[in-house]
């Protein structure tokens, strides 16, 4: 079984910009939400992947990836995706021996910048870059499903969303 052990943070400044190793344009499509997790299709570069994730226990959850052809991804998105697309630019950064990924959201979520780091185990001690602000790992407002749901609401304003709750 695949396990994702991840911490997620709000980004507080642009000081990370000079440190990027690479950048990818990503489109995420939520295709299913169920009691024990979710399924999404991610399209990036020339690849498409179906990912099934379980619910979080602490900072861990099960995660499975399946490669899709572009045609398979297109057909599944057309049939199963009803939520708005989450579109972002992902920047890879090495910091203190770990790969950090900074996500700059686009479209209605433009202005939202988060970062995450995958850890080798739940209790791994790590240094946090100065631009990695408040820990939002357990803040459900920043889950993909909640962001898509919020974008779908009439009169959605990112600033109002970020200050709610």
N, C-alpha and C. Protein backbone atom coordinates (compact mmCIF):
# COMPACT_ATOMS: atom_id res chain seq x y z
N UNK A 1 0.85 -1.18 0.00
CA UNK A 1 0.00 0.00 0.00
C UNK A 1 0.89 1.24 0.00
N UNK A 2 0.52 2.26 -0.80
CA UNK A 2 1.23 3.53 -0.82
C UNK A 2 0.76 4.40 0.33
N UNK A 3 1.69 5.04 0.99
CA UNK A 3 1.38 5.94 2.11
C UNK A 3 1.97 7.31 1.80
N UNK A 4 1.15 8.34 1.98
CA UNK A 4 1.60 9.71 1.87
C UNK A 4 1.70 10.27 3.29
N UNK A 5 2.88 10.78 3.63
CA UNK A 5 3.10 11.43 4.93
C UNK A 5 3.49 12.86 4.59
N UNK A 6 2.57 13.79 4.84
CA UNK A 6 2.73 15.13 4.31
C UNK A 6 2.31 16.19 5.31
N UNK A 7 3.04 17.30 5.31
CA UNK A 7 2.65 18.49 6.06
C UNK A 7 2.45 19.60 5.05
N UNK A 8 1.46 20.46 5.32
CA UNK A 8 1.09 21.52 4.38
C UNK A 8 1.05 22.86 5.12
N UNK A 9 1.53 23.93 4.45
CA UNK A 9 1.65 25.25 5.07
C UNK A 9 1.20 26.34 4.10
N UNK A 10 0.75 27.47 4.65
CA UNK A 10 0.54 28.66 3.83
C UNK A 10 1.90 29.28 3.56
N UNK A 11 2.08 29.84 2.38
CA UNK A 11 3.32 30.53 2.04
C UNK A 11 3.13 32.01 2.36
N UNK A 12 4.09 32.58 3.09
CA UNK A 12 3.94 33.94 3.60
C UNK A 12 4.72 35.00 2.82
N UNK A 13 5.60 34.57 1.92
CA UNK A 13 6.37 35.55 1.13
C UNK A 13 6.84 34.89 -0.16
N UNK A 14 7.42 35.69 -1.03
CA UNK A 14 7.94 35.17 -2.29
C UNK A 14 9.42 34.85 -2.23
N UNK A 15 9.97 34.75 -1.04
CA UNK A 15 11.41 34.49 -0.89
C UNK A 15 11.85 33.14 -1.47
N UNK A 16 10.94 32.25 -1.73
CA UNK A 16 11.25 30.93 -2.30
C UNK A 16 11.58 31.02 -3.79
N UNK A 17 11.17 32.08 -4.45
CA UNK A 17 11.21 32.16 -5.92
C UNK A 17 12.59 31.90 -6.52
N UNK A 18 13.64 32.33 -5.91
CA UNK A 18 14.98 32.12 -6.47
C UNK A 18 15.52 30.72 -6.23
N UNK A 19 14.75 29.86 -5.59
CA UNK A 19 15.25 28.54 -5.20
C UNK A 19 14.65 27.39 -6.00
N UNK A 20 13.81 27.66 -6.98
CA UNK A 20 13.08 26.59 -7.66
C UNK A 20 13.99 25.75 -8.55
N UNK A 21 13.72 24.44 -8.52
CA UNK A 21 14.44 23.49 -9.36
C UNK A 21 13.66 23.21 -10.65
N UNK A 22 12.36 23.42 -10.61
CA UNK A 22 11.52 23.16 -11.77
C UNK A 22 10.10 23.58 -11.47
N UNK A 23 9.29 23.68 -12.53
CA UNK A 23 7.92 24.12 -12.39
C UNK A 23 7.02 23.30 -13.32
N UNK A 24 5.83 22.94 -12.84
CA UNK A 24 4.86 22.19 -13.64
C UNK A 24 3.51 22.90 -13.58
N UNK A 25 2.81 22.90 -14.70
CA UNK A 25 1.44 23.40 -14.74
C UNK A 25 0.54 22.20 -14.48
N UNK A 26 -0.33 22.30 -13.47
CA UNK A 26 -1.16 21.17 -13.03
C UNK A 26 -2.62 21.55 -13.08
N UNK A 27 -3.44 20.60 -13.54
CA UNK A 27 -4.89 20.72 -13.46
C UNK A 27 -5.40 19.49 -12.71
N UNK A 28 -6.12 19.74 -11.62
CA UNK A 28 -6.69 18.66 -10.81
C UNK A 28 -8.20 18.64 -10.97
N UNK A 29 -8.75 17.45 -11.20
CA UNK A 29 -10.18 17.25 -11.36
C UNK A 29 -10.65 16.25 -10.31
N UNK A 30 -11.50 16.68 -9.41
CA UNK A 30 -12.07 15.77 -8.42
C UNK A 30 -13.12 14.93 -9.14
N UNK A 31 -12.96 13.60 -9.10
CA UNK A 31 -13.90 12.73 -9.81
C UNK A 31 -14.76 11.90 -8.87
N UNK A 32 -14.38 11.83 -7.60
CA UNK A 32 -15.21 11.10 -6.62
C UNK A 32 -14.82 11.50 -5.21
N UNK A 33 -15.82 11.59 -4.37
CA UNK A 33 -15.61 11.82 -2.93
C UNK A 33 -16.44 10.76 -2.24
N UNK A 34 -15.85 10.05 -1.30
CA UNK A 34 -16.56 9.00 -0.58
C UNK A 34 -16.15 9.03 0.88
N UNK A 35 -16.85 8.28 1.71
CA UNK A 35 -16.63 8.34 3.17
C UNK A 35 -15.17 8.14 3.56
N UNK A 36 -14.46 7.31 2.84
CA UNK A 36 -13.10 6.97 3.25
C UNK A 36 -12.03 7.64 2.39
N UNK A 37 -12.40 8.62 1.57
CA UNK A 37 -11.38 9.31 0.78
C UNK A 37 -11.91 10.00 -0.45
N UNK A 38 -11.04 10.11 -1.45
CA UNK A 38 -11.40 10.80 -2.68
C UNK A 38 -10.59 10.23 -3.84
N UNK A 39 -11.04 10.55 -5.05
CA UNK A 39 -10.31 10.20 -6.27
C UNK A 39 -10.21 11.46 -7.12
N UNK A 40 -9.04 11.67 -7.69
CA UNK A 40 -8.85 12.83 -8.57
C UNK A 40 -8.04 12.41 -9.78
N UNK A 41 -8.21 13.18 -10.84
CA UNK A 41 -7.36 13.03 -12.02
C UNK A 41 -6.50 14.27 -12.10
N UNK A 42 -5.22 14.05 -12.22
CA UNK A 42 -4.26 15.16 -12.36
C UNK A 42 -3.67 15.11 -13.76
N UNK A 43 -3.69 16.26 -14.43
CA UNK A 43 -3.08 16.39 -15.76
C UNK A 43 -1.95 17.39 -15.61
N UNK A 44 -0.73 16.95 -15.96
CA UNK A 44 0.43 17.83 -15.88
C UNK A 44 1.43 17.43 -16.94
N UNK A 45 2.08 18.44 -17.52
CA UNK A 45 3.01 18.22 -18.61
C UNK A 45 2.34 17.31 -19.65
N UNK A 46 2.92 16.18 -19.99
CA UNK A 46 2.31 15.26 -20.95
C UNK A 46 1.77 14.02 -20.25
N UNK A 47 1.42 14.13 -18.98
CA UNK A 47 1.00 12.97 -18.21
C UNK A 47 -0.39 13.18 -17.61
N UNK A 48 -1.07 12.07 -17.35
CA UNK A 48 -2.34 12.10 -16.62
C UNK A 48 -2.32 10.94 -15.64
N UNK A 49 -2.81 11.19 -14.43
CA UNK A 49 -2.78 10.19 -13.37
C UNK A 49 -4.10 10.20 -12.62
N UNK A 50 -4.61 9.00 -12.33
CA UNK A 50 -5.73 8.84 -11.41
C UNK A 50 -5.12 8.55 -10.05
N UNK A 51 -5.51 9.35 -9.06
CA UNK A 51 -5.00 9.17 -7.70
C UNK A 51 -6.18 8.92 -6.77
N UNK A 52 -6.06 7.90 -5.95
CA UNK A 52 -7.06 7.61 -4.92
C UNK A 52 -6.37 7.81 -3.58
N UNK A 53 -6.99 8.66 -2.74
CA UNK A 53 -6.41 8.97 -1.43
C UNK A 53 -7.42 8.62 -0.35
N UNK A 54 -6.92 8.04 0.73
CA UNK A 54 -7.75 7.76 1.90
C UNK A 54 -7.84 9.00 2.78
N UNK A 55 -8.66 8.93 3.80
CA UNK A 55 -8.74 10.02 4.78
C UNK A 55 -7.47 10.05 5.60
N UNK A 56 -7.14 11.22 6.10
CA UNK A 56 -5.93 11.43 6.88
C UNK A 56 -6.07 10.83 8.29
N UNK A 57 -5.01 10.19 8.74
CA UNK A 57 -4.86 9.79 10.12
C UNK A 57 -3.56 10.42 10.57
N UNK A 58 -3.66 11.45 11.40
CA UNK A 58 -2.47 12.23 11.74
C UNK A 58 -2.03 12.98 10.50
N UNK A 59 -0.79 12.78 10.06
CA UNK A 59 -0.31 13.42 8.84
C UNK A 59 -0.12 12.39 7.72
N UNK A 60 -0.69 11.19 7.91
CA UNK A 60 -0.55 10.11 6.93
C UNK A 60 -1.89 9.73 6.33
N UNK A 61 -1.83 9.20 5.11
CA UNK A 61 -3.01 8.62 4.48
C UNK A 61 -2.55 7.71 3.35
N UNK A 62 -3.41 6.77 3.00
CA UNK A 62 -3.08 5.90 1.87
C UNK A 62 -3.22 6.68 0.58
N UNK A 63 -2.40 6.31 -0.40
CA UNK A 63 -2.41 7.02 -1.68
C UNK A 63 -1.97 6.05 -2.77
N UNK A 64 -2.76 5.98 -3.84
CA UNK A 64 -2.47 5.10 -4.96
C UNK A 64 -2.53 5.90 -6.25
N UNK A 65 -1.55 5.70 -7.14
CA UNK A 65 -1.48 6.41 -8.41
C UNK A 65 -1.57 5.41 -9.56
N UNK A 66 -2.35 5.78 -10.58
CA UNK A 66 -2.50 4.95 -11.78
C UNK A 66 -2.33 5.84 -13.00
N UNK A 67 -1.38 5.51 -13.86
CA UNK A 67 -1.16 6.29 -15.07
C UNK A 67 -2.34 6.10 -16.02
N UNK A 68 -2.73 7.19 -16.67
CA UNK A 68 -3.81 7.18 -17.65
C UNK A 68 -3.30 7.74 -18.97
N UNK A 69 -3.89 7.28 -20.06
CA UNK A 69 -3.60 7.94 -21.34
C UNK A 69 -4.37 9.26 -21.35
N UNK A 70 -4.00 10.16 -22.22
CA UNK A 70 -4.73 11.44 -22.34
C UNK A 70 -6.20 11.19 -22.67
N UNK A 71 -6.47 10.20 -23.54
CA UNK A 71 -7.87 9.87 -23.91
C UNK A 71 -8.65 9.35 -22.71
N UNK A 72 -8.03 8.46 -21.93
CA UNK A 72 -8.71 7.95 -20.74
C UNK A 72 -9.02 9.08 -19.77
N UNK A 73 -8.05 9.94 -19.55
CA UNK A 73 -8.25 11.07 -18.63
C UNK A 73 -9.37 11.96 -19.12
N UNK A 74 -9.35 12.32 -20.40
CA UNK A 74 -10.39 13.18 -20.98
C UNK A 74 -11.77 12.56 -20.80
N UNK A 75 -11.91 11.26 -21.10
CA UNK A 75 -13.21 10.60 -21.00
C UNK A 75 -13.70 10.52 -19.55
N UNK A 76 -12.79 10.21 -18.62
CA UNK A 76 -13.18 10.11 -17.22
C UNK A 76 -13.55 11.49 -16.66
N UNK A 77 -12.81 12.52 -17.03
CA UNK A 77 -13.12 13.87 -16.57
C UNK A 77 -14.50 14.28 -17.08
N UNK A 78 -14.76 14.01 -18.36
CA UNK A 78 -16.05 14.39 -18.95
C UNK A 78 -17.21 13.69 -18.25
N UNK A 79 -17.02 12.45 -17.86
CA UNK A 79 -18.11 11.69 -17.26
C UNK A 79 -18.26 11.91 -15.75
N UNK A 80 -17.16 12.06 -15.03
CA UNK A 80 -17.22 12.00 -13.57
C UNK A 80 -16.93 13.30 -12.83
N UNK A 81 -16.28 14.27 -13.46
CA UNK A 81 -15.89 15.48 -12.75
C UNK A 81 -17.00 16.53 -12.82
N UNK A 82 -17.46 16.97 -11.66
CA UNK A 82 -18.48 18.01 -11.61
C UNK A 82 -17.99 19.26 -10.89
N UNK A 83 -16.90 19.16 -10.17
CA UNK A 83 -16.35 20.29 -9.42
C UNK A 83 -15.49 21.15 -10.35
N UNK A 84 -15.30 22.41 -10.01
CA UNK A 84 -14.39 23.24 -10.81
C UNK A 84 -12.97 22.68 -10.80
N UNK A 85 -12.24 22.97 -11.85
CA UNK A 85 -10.84 22.55 -11.97
C UNK A 85 -10.00 23.34 -10.96
N UNK A 86 -9.11 22.64 -10.27
CA UNK A 86 -8.10 23.32 -9.45
C UNK A 86 -6.85 23.40 -10.31
N UNK A 87 -6.47 24.61 -10.65
CA UNK A 87 -5.34 24.81 -11.54
C UNK A 87 -4.24 25.55 -10.78
N UNK A 88 -3.00 25.07 -10.97
CA UNK A 88 -1.90 25.67 -10.22
C UNK A 88 -0.58 25.46 -10.93
N UNK A 89 0.39 26.28 -10.53
CA UNK A 89 1.78 26.07 -10.92
C UNK A 89 2.50 25.51 -9.70
N UNK A 90 3.17 24.39 -9.89
CA UNK A 90 3.90 23.75 -8.78
C UNK A 90 5.39 23.93 -8.99
N UNK A 91 6.04 24.45 -7.97
CA UNK A 91 7.47 24.71 -8.00
C UNK A 91 8.17 23.77 -7.01
N UNK A 92 9.19 23.07 -7.47
CA UNK A 92 9.96 22.16 -6.62
C UNK A 92 11.16 22.90 -6.05
N UNK A 93 11.37 22.71 -4.74
CA UNK A 93 12.47 23.37 -4.03
C UNK A 93 13.09 22.38 -3.06
N UNK A 94 14.41 22.28 -3.07
CA UNK A 94 15.13 21.49 -2.07
C UNK A 94 15.44 22.40 -0.89
N UNK A 95 15.07 21.94 0.30
CA UNK A 95 15.39 22.71 1.51
C UNK A 95 15.71 21.73 2.62
N UNK A 96 16.87 21.85 3.18
CA UNK A 96 17.28 21.06 4.33
C UNK A 96 17.09 19.55 4.09
N UNK A 97 17.47 19.11 2.89
CA UNK A 97 17.44 17.69 2.56
C UNK A 97 16.09 17.12 2.17
N UNK A 98 15.05 17.96 2.06
CA UNK A 98 13.71 17.50 1.68
C UNK A 98 13.21 18.28 0.47
N UNK A 99 12.34 17.65 -0.30
CA UNK A 99 11.72 18.31 -1.44
C UNK A 99 10.45 19.01 -0.97
N UNK A 100 10.41 20.31 -1.13
CA UNK A 100 9.23 21.12 -0.84
C UNK A 100 8.58 21.47 -2.15
N UNK A 101 7.25 21.49 -2.17
CA UNK A 101 6.51 21.84 -3.37
C UNK A 101 5.63 23.05 -3.06
N UNK A 102 5.87 24.14 -3.77
CA UNK A 102 5.11 25.37 -3.61
C UNK A 102 4.06 25.41 -4.72
N UNK A 103 2.79 25.53 -4.33
CA UNK A 103 1.69 25.59 -5.28
C UNK A 103 1.12 27.00 -5.34
N UNK A 104 1.20 27.61 -6.52
CA UNK A 104 0.57 28.91 -6.79
C UNK A 104 -0.73 28.62 -7.52
N UNK A 105 -1.85 28.85 -6.87
CA UNK A 105 -3.14 28.56 -7.49
C UNK A 105 -3.48 29.63 -8.52
N UNK A 106 -4.21 29.22 -9.55
CA UNK A 106 -4.59 30.09 -10.65
C UNK A 106 -6.10 30.25 -10.68
N UNK A 107 -6.59 31.10 -11.56
CA UNK A 107 -8.04 31.30 -11.70
C UNK A 107 -8.64 31.95 -10.48
N UNK A 108 -9.80 31.45 -10.06
CA UNK A 108 -10.52 32.04 -8.91
C UNK A 108 -9.69 31.98 -7.62
N UNK A 109 -8.74 31.07 -7.54
CA UNK A 109 -7.90 30.92 -6.34
C UNK A 109 -6.58 31.67 -6.45
N UNK A 110 -6.43 32.47 -7.51
CA UNK A 110 -5.21 33.24 -7.70
C UNK A 110 -4.93 34.08 -6.45
N UNK A 111 -3.70 34.00 -5.97
CA UNK A 111 -3.33 34.69 -4.72
C UNK A 111 -3.11 33.71 -3.58
N UNK A 112 -3.68 32.51 -3.70
CA UNK A 112 -3.46 31.47 -2.69
C UNK A 112 -2.17 30.74 -3.05
N UNK A 113 -1.24 30.69 -2.11
CA UNK A 113 0.03 29.99 -2.31
C UNK A 113 0.25 29.10 -1.09
N UNK A 114 0.40 27.81 -1.33
CA UNK A 114 0.65 26.86 -0.25
C UNK A 114 1.92 26.08 -0.57
N UNK A 115 2.43 25.38 0.40
CA UNK A 115 3.56 24.49 0.16
C UNK A 115 3.35 23.23 0.99
N UNK A 116 3.95 22.16 0.51
CA UNK A 116 3.91 20.93 1.28
C UNK A 116 5.25 20.22 1.18
N UNK A 117 5.45 19.35 2.14
CA UNK A 117 6.66 18.54 2.19
C UNK A 117 6.26 17.13 2.58
N UNK A 118 6.76 16.15 1.80
CA UNK A 118 6.52 14.75 2.15
C UNK A 118 7.67 14.28 3.03
N UNK A 119 7.29 13.56 4.09
CA UNK A 119 8.25 13.13 5.10
C UNK A 119 8.47 11.63 5.03
N UNK A 120 9.65 11.15 5.44
CA UNK A 120 9.92 9.71 5.43
C UNK A 120 9.14 8.94 6.50
N UNK A 121 8.77 9.61 7.59
CA UNK A 121 7.93 8.99 8.62
C UNK A 121 7.22 10.09 9.40
N UNK A 122 6.18 9.73 10.13
CA UNK A 122 5.32 10.73 10.80
C UNK A 122 6.05 11.62 11.79
N UNK A 123 7.06 11.10 12.45
CA UNK A 123 7.73 11.87 13.51
C UNK A 123 9.08 12.43 13.04
N UNK A 124 9.24 12.53 11.72
CA UNK A 124 10.48 13.07 11.16
C UNK A 124 10.64 14.53 11.57
N UNK A 125 11.78 14.84 12.16
CA UNK A 125 12.08 16.22 12.56
C UNK A 125 12.62 16.95 11.33
N UNK A 126 12.07 18.11 11.02
CA UNK A 126 12.51 18.84 9.83
C UNK A 126 12.55 20.34 10.11
N UNK A 127 13.39 21.03 9.35
CA UNK A 127 13.47 22.48 9.42
C UNK A 127 12.49 23.05 8.41
N UNK A 128 11.84 24.12 8.81
CA UNK A 128 10.86 24.76 7.95
C UNK A 128 11.46 26.04 7.39
N UNK A 129 11.34 26.25 6.07
CA UNK A 129 11.85 27.51 5.51
C UNK A 129 11.08 28.71 6.07
N UNK A 130 11.69 29.87 6.09
CA UNK A 130 11.06 31.07 6.64
C UNK A 130 9.77 31.44 5.92
N UNK A 131 9.66 31.11 4.64
CA UNK A 131 8.46 31.44 3.86
C UNK A 131 7.31 30.47 4.08
N UNK A 132 7.53 29.39 4.79
CA UNK A 132 6.47 28.43 5.12
C UNK A 132 5.83 28.87 6.43
N UNK A 133 4.63 29.43 6.33
CA UNK A 133 3.95 30.00 7.48
C UNK A 133 3.11 29.00 8.24
N UNK A 134 1.85 29.37 8.50
CA UNK A 134 0.95 28.59 9.34
C UNK A 134 0.75 27.17 8.79
N UNK A 135 0.81 26.18 9.68
CA UNK A 135 0.56 24.79 9.33
C UNK A 135 -0.94 24.61 9.06
N UNK A 136 -1.27 24.17 7.84
CA UNK A 136 -2.68 23.96 7.46
C UNK A 136 -2.96 22.50 7.14
N UNK A 137 -2.09 21.62 7.61
CA UNK A 137 -2.25 20.18 7.33
C UNK A 137 -3.64 19.70 7.73
N UNK A 138 -4.16 20.14 8.86
CA UNK A 138 -5.45 19.66 9.36
C UNK A 138 -6.58 20.67 9.19
N UNK A 139 -6.33 21.74 8.44
CA UNK A 139 -7.36 22.75 8.19
C UNK A 139 -8.13 22.35 6.94
N UNK A 140 -9.32 21.81 7.12
CA UNK A 140 -10.10 21.25 6.00
C UNK A 140 -10.45 22.29 4.95
N UNK A 141 -10.39 23.58 5.27
CA UNK A 141 -10.68 24.61 4.27
C UNK A 141 -9.72 24.53 3.09
N UNK A 142 -8.52 23.99 3.30
CA UNK A 142 -7.51 23.95 2.25
C UNK A 142 -7.44 22.60 1.54
N UNK A 143 -8.38 21.71 1.82
CA UNK A 143 -8.43 20.45 1.08
C UNK A 143 -8.91 20.73 -0.34
N UNK A 144 -8.51 19.91 -1.28
CA UNK A 144 -8.91 20.10 -2.68
C UNK A 144 -10.42 20.14 -2.82
N UNK A 145 -11.09 19.21 -2.13
CA UNK A 145 -12.56 19.14 -2.24
C UNK A 145 -13.20 20.43 -1.72
N UNK A 146 -12.71 20.95 -0.61
CA UNK A 146 -13.29 22.17 -0.04
C UNK A 146 -12.98 23.39 -0.91
N UNK A 147 -11.77 23.47 -1.46
CA UNK A 147 -11.43 24.58 -2.35
C UNK A 147 -12.32 24.57 -3.58
N UNK A 148 -12.53 23.39 -4.16
CA UNK A 148 -13.40 23.28 -5.34
C UNK A 148 -14.84 23.65 -4.99
N UNK A 149 -15.31 23.19 -3.86
CA UNK A 149 -16.68 23.50 -3.41
C UNK A 149 -16.84 25.01 -3.20
N UNK A 150 -15.86 25.63 -2.58
CA UNK A 150 -15.92 27.07 -2.32
C UNK A 150 -15.92 27.86 -3.63
N UNK A 151 -15.11 27.45 -4.60
CA UNK A 151 -15.05 28.13 -5.89
C UNK A 151 -16.40 28.06 -6.62
N UNK A 152 -17.13 27.00 -6.35
CA UNK A 152 -18.40 26.76 -7.02
C UNK A 152 -19.51 27.66 -6.45
N UNK A 153 -19.29 28.23 -5.28
CA UNK A 153 -20.31 29.04 -4.61
C UNK A 153 -20.48 30.38 -5.32
N UNK A 154 -21.70 30.87 -5.35
CA UNK A 154 -21.99 32.19 -5.93
C UNK A 154 -21.26 33.27 -5.14
N UNK A 155 -20.66 34.20 -5.84
CA UNK A 155 -20.02 35.33 -5.20
C UNK A 155 -18.73 34.97 -4.47
N UNK A 156 -18.07 33.89 -4.88
CA UNK A 156 -16.84 33.47 -4.21
C UNK A 156 -15.78 34.58 -4.30
N UNK A 157 -15.20 34.92 -3.15
CA UNK A 157 -14.09 35.88 -3.07
C UNK A 157 -13.01 35.23 -2.21
N UNK A 158 -11.84 35.05 -2.80
CA UNK A 158 -10.76 34.34 -2.11
C UNK A 158 -10.45 34.96 -0.75
N UNK A 159 -10.34 36.27 -0.67
CA UNK A 159 -10.00 36.92 0.61
C UNK A 159 -11.03 36.60 1.68
N UNK A 160 -12.31 36.60 1.32
CA UNK A 160 -13.36 36.26 2.29
C UNK A 160 -13.23 34.81 2.73
N UNK A 161 -12.95 33.93 1.78
CA UNK A 161 -12.80 32.51 2.08
C UNK A 161 -11.65 32.28 3.07
N UNK A 162 -10.52 32.93 2.81
CA UNK A 162 -9.34 32.72 3.65
C UNK A 162 -9.50 33.26 5.06
N UNK A 163 -10.36 34.24 5.26
CA UNK A 163 -10.55 34.79 6.60
C UNK A 163 -11.74 34.15 7.32
N UNK A 164 -12.48 33.28 6.64
CA UNK A 164 -13.62 32.61 7.30
C UNK A 164 -13.13 31.44 8.13
N UNK A 165 -13.97 30.97 9.02
CA UNK A 165 -13.66 29.78 9.81
C UNK A 165 -12.70 30.09 10.89
